[in-house]
Protein backbone atom coordinates (compact mmCIF):
# COMPACT_ATOMS: atom_id res chain seq x y z
CA MET A 1 -44.16 -68.13 -14.54
CA SER A 2 -46.33 -70.23 -12.22
CA THR A 3 -50.09 -70.35 -12.59
CA SER A 4 -52.77 -69.93 -9.92
CA LEU A 5 -56.44 -70.70 -10.37
CA LEU A 6 -58.75 -68.04 -8.98
CA TRP A 7 -61.95 -69.91 -8.12
CA PHE A 8 -64.96 -67.62 -7.90
CA ARG A 9 -67.82 -68.98 -5.82
CA ARG A 10 -69.81 -66.41 -3.80
CA ASP A 11 -67.26 -63.63 -4.18
CA LEU A 12 -68.19 -62.24 -7.59
CA ARG A 13 -66.23 -59.00 -7.49
CA LEU A 14 -62.76 -57.53 -8.05
CA ASP A 15 -62.82 -54.80 -5.39
CA ASP A 16 -61.48 -55.94 -2.00
CA GLN A 17 -60.92 -59.43 -3.37
CA PRO A 18 -58.31 -61.10 -1.11
CA ALA A 19 -58.18 -64.32 -3.15
CA LEU A 20 -57.25 -62.32 -6.24
CA ASP A 21 -54.78 -60.15 -4.32
CA ALA A 22 -53.03 -63.21 -2.91
CA ALA A 23 -52.75 -64.87 -6.31
CA LEU A 24 -51.31 -61.71 -7.85
CA ALA A 25 -48.87 -61.30 -4.96
CA ARG A 26 -47.23 -64.59 -5.95
CA GLY A 27 -46.41 -63.13 -9.32
CA SER A 28 -48.50 -65.87 -10.86
CA ARG A 29 -50.48 -65.99 -14.05
CA VAL A 30 -54.01 -65.87 -12.67
CA VAL A 31 -56.72 -67.92 -14.37
CA PRO A 32 -60.22 -66.95 -13.12
CA VAL A 33 -62.75 -69.75 -13.15
CA TYR A 34 -66.32 -70.39 -12.10
CA VAL A 35 -67.68 -73.93 -11.78
CA GLU A 36 -71.42 -74.56 -11.91
CA SER A 37 -72.06 -77.77 -10.03
CA GLY A 38 -75.76 -77.42 -9.21
CA ALA A 39 -75.29 -80.19 -6.68
CA GLY A 40 -75.09 -80.77 -2.97
CA ARG A 41 -77.52 -80.20 -0.15
CA TRP A 42 -79.17 -76.81 -0.30
CA ALA A 43 -78.21 -76.22 -3.92
CA GLU A 44 -79.25 -72.76 -5.08
CA GLY A 45 -82.90 -72.04 -5.73
CA ALA A 46 -84.36 -70.58 -8.91
CA ALA A 47 -84.21 -66.92 -7.86
CA SER A 48 -80.59 -67.26 -6.77
CA ARG A 49 -79.64 -68.91 -10.06
CA TRP A 50 -81.22 -66.01 -11.95
CA TRP A 51 -79.15 -63.57 -9.91
CA ARG A 52 -75.96 -65.59 -10.36
CA HIS A 53 -76.36 -65.59 -14.17
CA HIS A 54 -76.42 -61.82 -14.30
CA SER A 55 -73.72 -61.41 -11.68
CA LEU A 56 -71.41 -63.71 -13.64
CA ALA A 57 -72.10 -61.66 -16.78
CA ALA A 58 -71.04 -58.51 -14.93
CA LEU A 59 -67.93 -60.19 -13.51
CA SER A 60 -66.93 -61.52 -16.92
CA GLU A 61 -67.20 -58.03 -18.37
CA ALA A 62 -65.13 -56.52 -15.54
CA LEU A 63 -62.38 -59.11 -16.06
CA ALA A 64 -62.36 -58.51 -19.82
CA GLU A 65 -61.94 -54.77 -19.25
CA ARG A 66 -58.74 -55.56 -17.34
CA GLY A 67 -57.28 -57.90 -19.93
CA SER A 68 -58.41 -61.19 -18.38
CA ARG A 69 -61.38 -63.48 -18.91
CA LEU A 70 -63.58 -65.78 -16.87
CA LEU A 71 -63.55 -69.49 -17.64
CA LEU A 72 -66.94 -71.11 -17.16
CA ARG A 73 -67.08 -74.82 -16.54
CA ARG A 74 -69.79 -77.20 -15.39
CA GLY A 75 -69.61 -80.38 -13.33
CA ASP A 76 -68.24 -81.73 -10.08
CA PRO A 77 -65.70 -79.18 -8.74
CA GLN A 78 -63.17 -81.93 -7.91
CA THR A 79 -63.25 -83.23 -11.49
CA VAL A 80 -63.32 -79.80 -13.12
CA MET A 81 -60.44 -78.50 -11.02
CA ALA A 82 -58.38 -81.60 -11.74
CA THR A 83 -58.87 -80.96 -15.44
CA LEU A 84 -57.91 -77.30 -15.09
CA VAL A 85 -54.82 -78.13 -13.06
CA ARG A 86 -53.68 -80.44 -15.88
CA GLU A 87 -54.51 -77.90 -18.56
CA THR A 88 -52.81 -74.95 -16.85
CA GLY A 89 -50.13 -76.54 -14.69
CA ALA A 90 -51.56 -74.57 -11.76
CA VAL A 91 -49.72 -74.93 -8.47
CA GLU A 92 -52.39 -73.31 -6.24
CA ILE A 93 -56.09 -72.60 -6.10
CA HIS A 94 -57.23 -69.39 -4.42
CA THR A 95 -60.80 -68.85 -3.27
CA ASN A 96 -62.73 -67.18 -0.49
CA ARG A 97 -63.97 -69.28 2.37
CA LEU A 98 -67.63 -70.27 2.60
CA ALA A 99 -67.51 -72.48 5.70
CA GLU A 100 -70.76 -74.35 5.16
CA PRO A 101 -71.47 -77.85 6.53
CA PRO A 102 -70.01 -80.87 4.71
CA GLY A 103 -72.14 -81.99 1.80
CA CYS A 104 -73.49 -78.51 1.10
CA ALA A 105 -72.78 -76.70 -2.15
CA GLY A 106 -70.57 -74.23 -0.28
CA ALA A 107 -68.42 -76.65 1.69
CA ASP A 108 -64.70 -75.82 1.77
CA SER A 109 -61.71 -78.06 1.13
CA ASP A 110 -58.00 -77.45 1.66
CA GLN A 111 -57.01 -79.70 -1.26
CA LEU A 112 -58.41 -80.08 -4.76
CA ALA A 113 -56.88 -82.07 -7.59
CA GLY A 114 -53.72 -82.59 -5.55
CA VAL A 115 -52.86 -78.90 -5.20
CA PRO A 116 -53.39 -76.71 -2.14
CA VAL A 117 -56.48 -74.55 -1.86
CA ARG A 118 -55.71 -71.22 -0.22
CA LEU A 119 -58.84 -70.09 1.61
CA HIS A 120 -59.24 -66.37 2.18
CA GLY A 121 -61.59 -64.33 4.31
CA GLY A 122 -63.26 -61.97 1.89
CA ASN A 123 -66.84 -63.07 2.52
CA LEU A 124 -66.95 -62.11 6.21
CA LEU A 125 -65.49 -59.50 8.52
CA ASN A 126 -64.29 -62.17 10.96
CA PRO A 127 -63.25 -65.79 10.65
CA PRO A 128 -66.54 -67.56 11.53
CA GLU A 129 -64.91 -69.68 14.25
CA LEU A 130 -64.07 -66.46 16.11
CA PRO A 131 -64.55 -64.89 18.56
CA ARG A 132 -64.86 -67.23 21.53
CA ASN A 133 -66.77 -66.50 24.71
CA ARG A 134 -65.18 -66.43 28.16
CA SER A 135 -65.50 -70.19 28.45
CA GLY A 136 -63.71 -70.71 25.15
CA GLY A 137 -66.84 -71.81 23.33
CA PRO A 138 -68.93 -70.26 20.57
CA TYR A 139 -71.37 -67.48 21.27
CA ARG A 140 -75.04 -68.41 21.47
CA VAL A 141 -76.44 -64.98 22.30
CA PHE A 142 -76.12 -62.11 19.86
CA THR A 143 -75.65 -59.07 22.11
CA PRO A 144 -72.35 -60.16 23.74
CA TYR A 145 -71.14 -61.40 20.35
CA TYR A 146 -72.00 -58.03 18.82
CA GLN A 147 -70.26 -56.08 21.56
CA ARG A 148 -67.15 -58.21 21.27
CA VAL A 149 -66.94 -58.06 17.48
CA LEU A 150 -67.77 -54.37 17.21
CA GLY A 151 -64.78 -53.39 19.33
CA GLU A 152 -62.35 -55.47 17.27
CA LEU A 153 -63.28 -54.60 13.69
CA ASN A 154 -60.93 -52.42 11.68
CA PRO A 155 -61.83 -52.93 8.01
CA ALA A 156 -59.22 -52.02 5.41
CA PRO A 157 -60.61 -52.97 1.97
CA ARG A 158 -58.29 -52.85 -1.01
CA PRO A 159 -59.27 -51.46 -4.42
CA ALA A 160 -59.63 -53.58 -7.53
CA PRO A 161 -56.58 -53.94 -9.77
CA THR A 162 -56.61 -51.90 -12.96
CA ALA A 163 -55.02 -54.64 -15.09
CA LEU A 164 -54.76 -58.43 -14.91
CA PRO A 165 -52.64 -61.07 -16.69
CA ALA A 166 -54.08 -62.48 -19.88
CA VAL A 167 -55.58 -65.96 -19.81
CA PRO A 168 -54.17 -68.38 -22.40
CA GLY A 169 -56.44 -68.53 -25.42
CA ASP A 170 -56.38 -72.31 -25.69
CA LEU A 171 -58.33 -72.76 -22.45
CA ASP A 172 -61.94 -73.60 -23.28
CA SER A 173 -64.92 -71.98 -21.63
CA LEU A 174 -68.64 -72.56 -21.82
CA ARG A 175 -70.93 -69.73 -22.80
CA LEU A 176 -72.85 -68.29 -19.88
CA ASP A 177 -76.19 -69.48 -21.25
CA GLN A 178 -74.85 -73.05 -21.32
CA LEU A 179 -74.77 -73.09 -17.51
CA GLY A 180 -78.57 -73.24 -17.50
CA LEU A 181 -79.04 -70.71 -14.71
CA LEU A 182 -81.93 -68.77 -16.21
CA PRO A 183 -85.51 -70.06 -15.89
CA ARG A 184 -87.02 -71.76 -18.90
CA GLN A 185 -90.27 -69.87 -18.39
CA ASP A 186 -90.09 -66.09 -18.31
CA TRP A 187 -91.19 -65.47 -14.71
CA ALA A 188 -88.25 -63.24 -13.77
CA ARG A 189 -89.39 -59.90 -15.21
CA GLY A 190 -90.18 -58.60 -11.73
CA LEU A 191 -86.69 -59.51 -10.56
CA ALA A 192 -85.13 -57.73 -13.53
CA ALA A 193 -87.20 -54.61 -12.86
CA ARG A 194 -86.23 -54.58 -9.18
CA TRP A 195 -82.53 -55.44 -9.17
CA THR A 196 -79.17 -54.75 -10.81
CA PRO A 197 -76.97 -57.77 -10.05
CA GLY A 198 -73.22 -57.34 -10.26
CA GLU A 199 -70.46 -55.36 -8.62
CA SER A 200 -71.44 -52.00 -10.09
CA GLY A 201 -75.04 -52.53 -8.94
CA ALA A 202 -73.82 -53.32 -5.43
CA GLN A 203 -71.63 -50.22 -5.30
CA ALA A 204 -74.47 -48.05 -6.59
CA ARG A 205 -76.80 -49.41 -3.92
CA LEU A 206 -74.26 -48.74 -1.17
CA GLU A 207 -73.89 -45.16 -2.40
CA ARG A 208 -77.66 -44.72 -2.29
CA VAL A 209 -77.78 -46.16 1.22
CA VAL A 210 -75.13 -43.73 2.48
CA ASP A 211 -76.49 -40.69 0.61
CA SER A 212 -80.24 -41.15 0.98
CA ILE A 213 -81.32 -43.96 3.28
CA LEU A 214 -79.27 -43.82 6.48
CA ALA A 215 -81.14 -40.86 7.95
CA ALA A 216 -84.49 -42.60 7.45
CA TYR A 217 -83.32 -46.06 8.45
CA PRO A 218 -83.89 -46.10 12.26
CA GLU A 219 -87.63 -45.40 11.89
CA GLY A 220 -88.29 -46.28 8.26
CA ARG A 221 -86.75 -49.75 8.28
CA ASP A 222 -89.94 -51.19 9.82
CA ARG A 223 -92.24 -49.60 7.25
CA PRO A 224 -92.53 -51.87 4.21
CA ALA A 225 -94.00 -49.20 1.95
CA GLU A 226 -90.83 -47.10 2.18
CA ASP A 227 -87.46 -47.49 0.48
CA ALA A 228 -85.70 -47.27 3.82
CA THR A 229 -83.76 -50.52 4.06
CA SER A 230 -80.32 -51.22 2.65
CA CYS A 231 -81.31 -54.03 0.21
CA LEU A 232 -77.64 -54.99 0.25
CA SER A 233 -78.25 -58.58 1.35
CA PRO A 234 -78.22 -60.19 -2.13
CA HIS A 235 -75.12 -58.23 -3.10
CA LEU A 236 -73.40 -59.38 0.09
CA HIS A 237 -74.55 -62.96 -0.37
CA PHE A 238 -73.06 -63.20 -3.84
CA GLY A 239 -69.96 -61.32 -2.79
CA GLU A 240 -70.50 -58.46 -5.23
CA ILE A 241 -69.42 -56.16 -2.46
CA SER A 242 -67.37 -57.08 0.57
CA PRO A 243 -68.67 -56.60 4.12
CA ALA A 244 -65.43 -54.74 4.83
CA ARG A 245 -66.26 -52.18 2.13
CA VAL A 246 -69.77 -51.75 3.52
CA MET A 247 -68.47 -51.50 7.08
CA LEU A 248 -65.90 -48.86 6.13
CA GLU A 249 -68.51 -46.68 4.43
CA LEU A 250 -70.86 -46.98 7.39
CA GLN A 251 -68.09 -46.15 9.85
CA ALA A 252 -67.21 -43.11 7.76
CA ALA A 253 -70.84 -41.97 7.93
CA VAL A 254 -70.80 -42.29 11.73
CA MET A 255 -67.52 -40.39 12.01
CA ALA A 256 -68.70 -37.61 9.73
CA GLN A 257 -71.65 -36.84 12.04
CA ARG A 258 -73.23 -34.69 9.33
CA ASP A 259 -76.62 -35.70 10.62
CA THR A 260 -77.34 -37.42 13.93
CA ARG A 261 -80.08 -39.46 12.24
CA GLN A 262 -77.63 -40.58 9.56
CA ALA A 263 -75.12 -41.64 12.21
CA ALA A 264 -77.85 -43.54 14.06
CA GLY A 265 -78.86 -45.29 10.85
CA ALA A 266 -75.25 -46.24 10.13
CA ARG A 267 -74.83 -47.71 13.61
CA GLU A 268 -77.99 -49.76 13.25
CA LEU A 269 -76.87 -51.07 9.86
CA VAL A 270 -73.52 -52.04 11.35
CA ARG A 271 -75.49 -54.04 13.89
CA GLN A 272 -77.35 -55.80 11.07
CA LEU A 273 -74.04 -56.52 9.33
CA ILE A 274 -72.74 -58.16 12.51
CA TRP A 275 -76.00 -60.14 12.81
CA ARG A 276 -75.05 -61.62 9.43
CA GLU A 277 -71.64 -62.51 10.87
CA PHE A 278 -73.35 -64.11 13.86
CA ALA A 279 -75.41 -66.31 11.54
CA HIS A 280 -72.25 -67.72 9.98
CA HIS A 281 -70.66 -68.13 13.41
CA VAL A 282 -73.66 -70.19 14.53
CA LEU A 283 -73.81 -72.33 11.39
CA LEU A 284 -70.12 -73.18 11.59
CA HIS A 285 -70.31 -74.28 15.23
CA PHE A 286 -73.77 -75.85 15.02
CA PRO A 287 -74.02 -77.14 11.44
CA HIS A 288 -77.10 -79.22 12.21
CA THR A 289 -79.16 -76.02 12.56
CA CYS A 290 -79.68 -75.74 8.82
CA GLU A 291 -82.10 -78.67 9.14
CA GLN A 292 -82.65 -79.37 12.84
CA PRO A 293 -83.63 -77.11 15.76
CA PHE A 294 -80.89 -75.80 18.01
CA ASP A 295 -83.22 -76.24 20.97
CA PRO A 296 -83.58 -80.06 21.17
CA ARG A 297 -86.98 -79.76 22.83
CA PHE A 298 -88.42 -78.74 19.47
CA GLY A 299 -87.55 -82.13 18.06
CA GLN A 300 -90.72 -83.23 19.89
CA PHE A 301 -92.87 -80.24 18.96
CA PRO A 302 -96.23 -81.28 17.40
CA TRP A 303 -95.84 -79.53 14.05
CA ARG A 304 -98.96 -79.82 11.92
CA GLU A 305 -99.11 -81.29 8.43
CA ASP A 306 -101.37 -78.85 6.59
CA PRO A 307 -100.60 -78.76 2.87
CA VAL A 308 -103.64 -76.60 2.10
CA THR A 309 -102.57 -73.79 4.44
CA LEU A 310 -98.94 -74.13 3.33
CA ALA A 311 -99.93 -73.75 -0.32
CA ALA A 312 -102.11 -70.73 0.48
CA TRP A 313 -99.19 -69.17 2.36
CA GLN A 314 -96.81 -69.79 -0.55
CA ARG A 315 -99.22 -68.26 -3.07
CA GLY A 316 -100.08 -65.23 -0.95
CA GLU A 317 -103.68 -66.38 -0.56
CA THR A 318 -104.08 -66.75 3.20
CA GLY A 319 -106.76 -64.05 3.38
CA ILE A 320 -104.56 -62.08 5.80
CA PRO A 321 -103.44 -58.99 3.87
CA MET A 322 -100.04 -58.23 5.39
CA VAL A 323 -98.91 -61.83 4.95
CA ASP A 324 -100.29 -62.10 1.42
CA ALA A 325 -98.71 -58.79 0.37
CA GLY A 326 -95.32 -60.00 1.57
CA MET A 327 -95.59 -63.37 -0.14
CA ARG A 328 -96.60 -61.74 -3.42
CA GLU A 329 -93.74 -59.27 -3.15
CA LEU A 330 -91.45 -62.26 -2.66
CA TRP A 331 -92.74 -64.06 -5.74
CA HIS A 332 -92.61 -60.98 -7.94
CA THR A 333 -89.29 -59.46 -6.86
CA GLY A 334 -87.36 -62.26 -5.12
CA PHE A 335 -87.34 -60.17 -1.96
CA MET A 336 -89.50 -59.41 1.05
CA HIS A 337 -89.24 -56.57 3.51
CA ASN A 338 -87.65 -57.78 6.76
CA ARG A 339 -90.54 -56.75 9.01
CA VAL A 340 -92.95 -58.61 6.76
CA ARG A 341 -90.66 -61.66 6.69
CA MET A 342 -91.04 -61.92 10.45
CA ILE A 343 -94.81 -61.54 10.25
CA ALA A 344 -95.16 -64.15 7.49
CA ALA A 345 -92.81 -66.58 9.23
CA SER A 346 -94.62 -66.21 12.55
CA LEU A 347 -97.95 -66.94 10.90
CA LEU A 348 -96.62 -70.11 9.26
CA THR A 349 -94.73 -71.55 12.23
CA LYS A 350 -96.73 -70.41 15.24
CA SER A 351 -100.22 -69.54 14.07
CA ALA A 352 -100.47 -72.35 11.51
CA GLY A 353 -98.11 -74.65 13.43
CA ILE A 354 -96.24 -75.72 10.27
CA HIS A 355 -92.60 -76.79 10.56
CA TRP A 356 -90.15 -73.93 10.01
CA LEU A 357 -88.23 -75.99 7.44
CA HIS A 358 -91.15 -75.69 5.01
CA GLY A 359 -90.79 -71.92 5.19
CA ALA A 360 -87.01 -72.01 5.05
CA ARG A 361 -87.07 -74.13 1.91
CA TRP A 362 -89.64 -71.88 0.21
CA PHE A 363 -87.57 -68.81 0.98
CA TRP A 364 -84.49 -70.67 -0.23
CA ASP A 365 -86.05 -71.17 -3.65
CA THR A 366 -87.67 -67.75 -4.03
CA LEU A 367 -85.34 -65.23 -2.35
CA VAL A 368 -82.54 -63.62 -4.32
CA ASP A 369 -80.67 -63.19 -1.02
CA ALA A 370 -81.16 -66.80 0.11
CA ASP A 371 -78.20 -67.48 2.39
CA LEU A 372 -77.94 -70.76 4.28
CA ALA A 373 -76.60 -69.24 7.49
CA SER A 374 -78.99 -66.29 7.64
CA ASN A 375 -82.00 -68.27 6.41
CA SER A 376 -81.49 -70.95 9.05
CA LEU A 377 -80.81 -68.53 11.91
CA ASN A 378 -83.73 -66.24 11.10
CA TRP A 379 -86.31 -68.98 10.63
CA GLN A 380 -85.31 -70.63 13.89
CA TRP A 381 -85.33 -67.22 15.58
CA VAL A 382 -88.94 -66.63 14.58
CA ALA A 383 -89.97 -70.22 15.34
CA GLY A 384 -88.47 -69.91 18.83
CA CYS A 385 -86.18 -72.94 18.50
CA GLY A 386 -82.79 -71.41 17.65
CA VAL A 387 -79.92 -69.71 19.43
CA ASP A 388 -80.94 -66.42 21.01
CA ALA A 389 -84.43 -67.04 19.63
CA ALA A 390 -87.52 -64.95 20.13
CA PRO A 391 -89.60 -66.55 22.90
CA PHE A 392 -92.16 -68.94 21.48
CA PHE A 393 -94.97 -66.98 23.09
CA ARG A 394 -93.99 -63.95 21.00
CA ILE A 395 -96.53 -64.50 18.25
CA PHE A 396 -96.86 -61.66 15.77
CA ASN A 397 -100.41 -60.46 15.21
CA PRO A 398 -100.39 -59.62 11.49
CA VAL A 399 -103.32 -57.22 11.81
CA THR A 400 -101.74 -55.22 14.62
CA GLN A 401 -98.43 -55.19 12.75
CA SER A 402 -100.14 -54.08 9.55
CA ARG A 403 -101.98 -51.20 11.21
CA ARG A 404 -98.85 -50.08 12.98
CA PHE A 405 -96.31 -50.25 10.17
CA ASP A 406 -98.49 -49.68 7.08
CA PRO A 407 -101.27 -47.50 8.54
CA ALA A 408 -102.28 -45.97 5.22
CA GLY A 409 -102.28 -49.37 3.49
CA VAL A 410 -99.77 -48.25 0.84
CA TYR A 411 -97.84 -51.53 0.90
CA LEU A 412 -101.05 -53.58 0.97
CA ARG A 413 -102.51 -51.81 -2.06
CA ARG A 414 -99.23 -52.14 -3.96
CA TRP A 415 -99.28 -55.93 -3.78
CA LEU A 416 -103.01 -56.61 -3.30
CA PRO A 417 -104.69 -54.40 -5.91
CA GLU A 418 -107.98 -56.28 -5.43
CA LEU A 419 -108.21 -54.62 -2.01
CA SER A 420 -107.52 -51.11 -3.32
CA PRO A 421 -111.20 -50.01 -3.06
CA LEU A 422 -111.17 -50.57 0.71
CA PRO A 423 -110.54 -47.66 3.09
CA ASN A 424 -107.77 -47.88 5.66
CA ALA A 425 -110.24 -48.87 8.35
CA LEU A 426 -111.12 -52.08 6.49
CA ILE A 427 -108.08 -53.07 4.47
CA HIS A 428 -105.97 -54.56 7.28
CA ALA A 429 -108.59 -57.14 8.34
CA PRO A 430 -111.42 -57.23 5.78
CA TRP A 431 -113.03 -60.33 7.35
CA GLU A 432 -113.92 -58.35 10.48
CA LYS A 433 -116.64 -56.39 8.63
CA PRO A 434 -117.44 -58.37 5.47
CA ALA A 435 -120.69 -56.51 4.77
CA LEU A 436 -118.91 -53.13 4.67
CA VAL A 437 -116.17 -54.68 2.55
CA GLN A 438 -118.78 -55.95 0.10
CA ASP A 439 -120.35 -52.49 -0.03
CA ARG A 440 -117.00 -51.31 -1.42
CA GLY A 441 -117.16 -53.91 -4.18
CA VAL A 442 -114.90 -56.58 -2.64
CA VAL A 443 -116.53 -59.95 -2.00
CA LEU A 444 -114.58 -62.23 0.31
CA GLY A 445 -114.20 -65.71 -1.10
CA ARG A 446 -114.53 -64.35 -4.63
CA ASP A 447 -112.29 -61.29 -5.01
CA TYR A 448 -110.05 -62.02 -2.05
CA PRO A 449 -109.77 -65.17 0.10
CA ARG A 450 -111.33 -65.61 3.47
CA PRO A 451 -108.70 -66.20 6.21
CA VAL A 452 -107.30 -69.72 6.29
CA LEU A 453 -107.20 -69.59 10.08
CA ASP A 454 -108.64 -67.74 13.04
CA LEU A 455 -105.84 -65.69 14.59
CA ALA A 456 -107.16 -65.91 18.15
CA VAL A 457 -107.87 -69.63 18.00
CA SER A 458 -104.53 -70.41 16.37
CA ARG A 459 -102.67 -68.35 18.96
CA ASN A 460 -104.28 -70.26 21.80
CA ARG A 461 -103.53 -73.56 20.07
CA ALA A 462 -99.86 -72.62 19.64
CA LEU A 463 -99.48 -71.56 23.28
CA ALA A 464 -101.15 -74.75 24.46
CA ALA A 465 -98.73 -76.84 22.37
CA TRP A 466 -95.80 -74.89 23.83
CA LYS A 467 -97.09 -75.43 27.37
CA ARG A 468 -97.36 -79.18 26.78
CA LEU A 469 -93.82 -79.25 25.42
CA LEU A 470 -92.52 -77.50 28.54
CA GLN A 471 -94.28 -80.03 30.74
CA LYS A 472 -92.55 -82.89 28.91
CA ALA A 473 -89.09 -81.29 29.13
């Protein structure tokens, strides 16, 4: 019997696992393996490593239940795979495609250790090089991409196998703790309280989305105090659930038409799923966008070096409540509500004038759903320098956004307890009436920071810089 290596990377599941299905179809002995390299550009941040540890534990347990086991190795993938090929006599390596730029931790190869690598498409709905626009090139605008992809998708996920071939007992494996994925200091309690990494956690979240969240999603998805977003992004990033499985469940919800609001929510979530596809499409065709602006004019933009404001933004101490609440949510849970992500990113890049890469790298280290394609696309979208970007003059006013989407201050009080004594009229912008704020027992500069910037002044400064850039172009 021939042997195939099943190389798990960001596809940590058994349901709808095309790499596994293909290896089994050969009639091979399948040896599952995970290699921790910790190397390459954009190597995983601390929050992602925490998630991966627990996801690997869940995957290992699922394989053991089916009669297999997961080999854990550490080192350069080329070297580790060469060793495994010698140890097992493997004739093929099966894995799911990542399609990240050369030099990144997720770069693909069609050969390792002298044996072919069979790349499968389980991480996306579409091959990222497809579709092509009418001129034969990649899409640069989301709406036509979305319309094209939506009409062509027909997901058909396959269930997980009930049994798997045994792995020879003489093959060595590291213990999970030897991979060094968990933080040395115990800062991850908030992550553990918020999330259930692993395939069963992903499936449970999808069930909750379909049963309880879809009807509220169209209106509730912009309200950070509500549990009205899918929160599937980390599960999708680590491949604990396939986008095809998610797409099928959402399509079923639309077809069922049990509730028009539920159908509307499902359609909007499908749109978000295809936005994720678009991010990978863009990164494949424009790999420089993970570090450089798509719009070359922004190579000359006068970004400001302001380490004091950057540090205040990272710590959630800007003195602007909606931004600070989001940054503290991020630090505590490894996640930030999407509406608040846009507000916080706009403040950093446009109001403060700090390069979007500083924000992208901070999110990369602190988000449990840090994904190179999505992180790059979304930061450039907010900064106004990417494909299909928001116009630069669209500068989010965090106070207006806060009053609109968290009018009762529920989200603010959750993450900024020092502001809890303030009534709704004061909590969104406490610096506007500091005497009244102090009457409620909150002293600015002592209990809560004063704003690190003036929103009106910073807006005018950003627009002036944009106007000068246009004049140079």
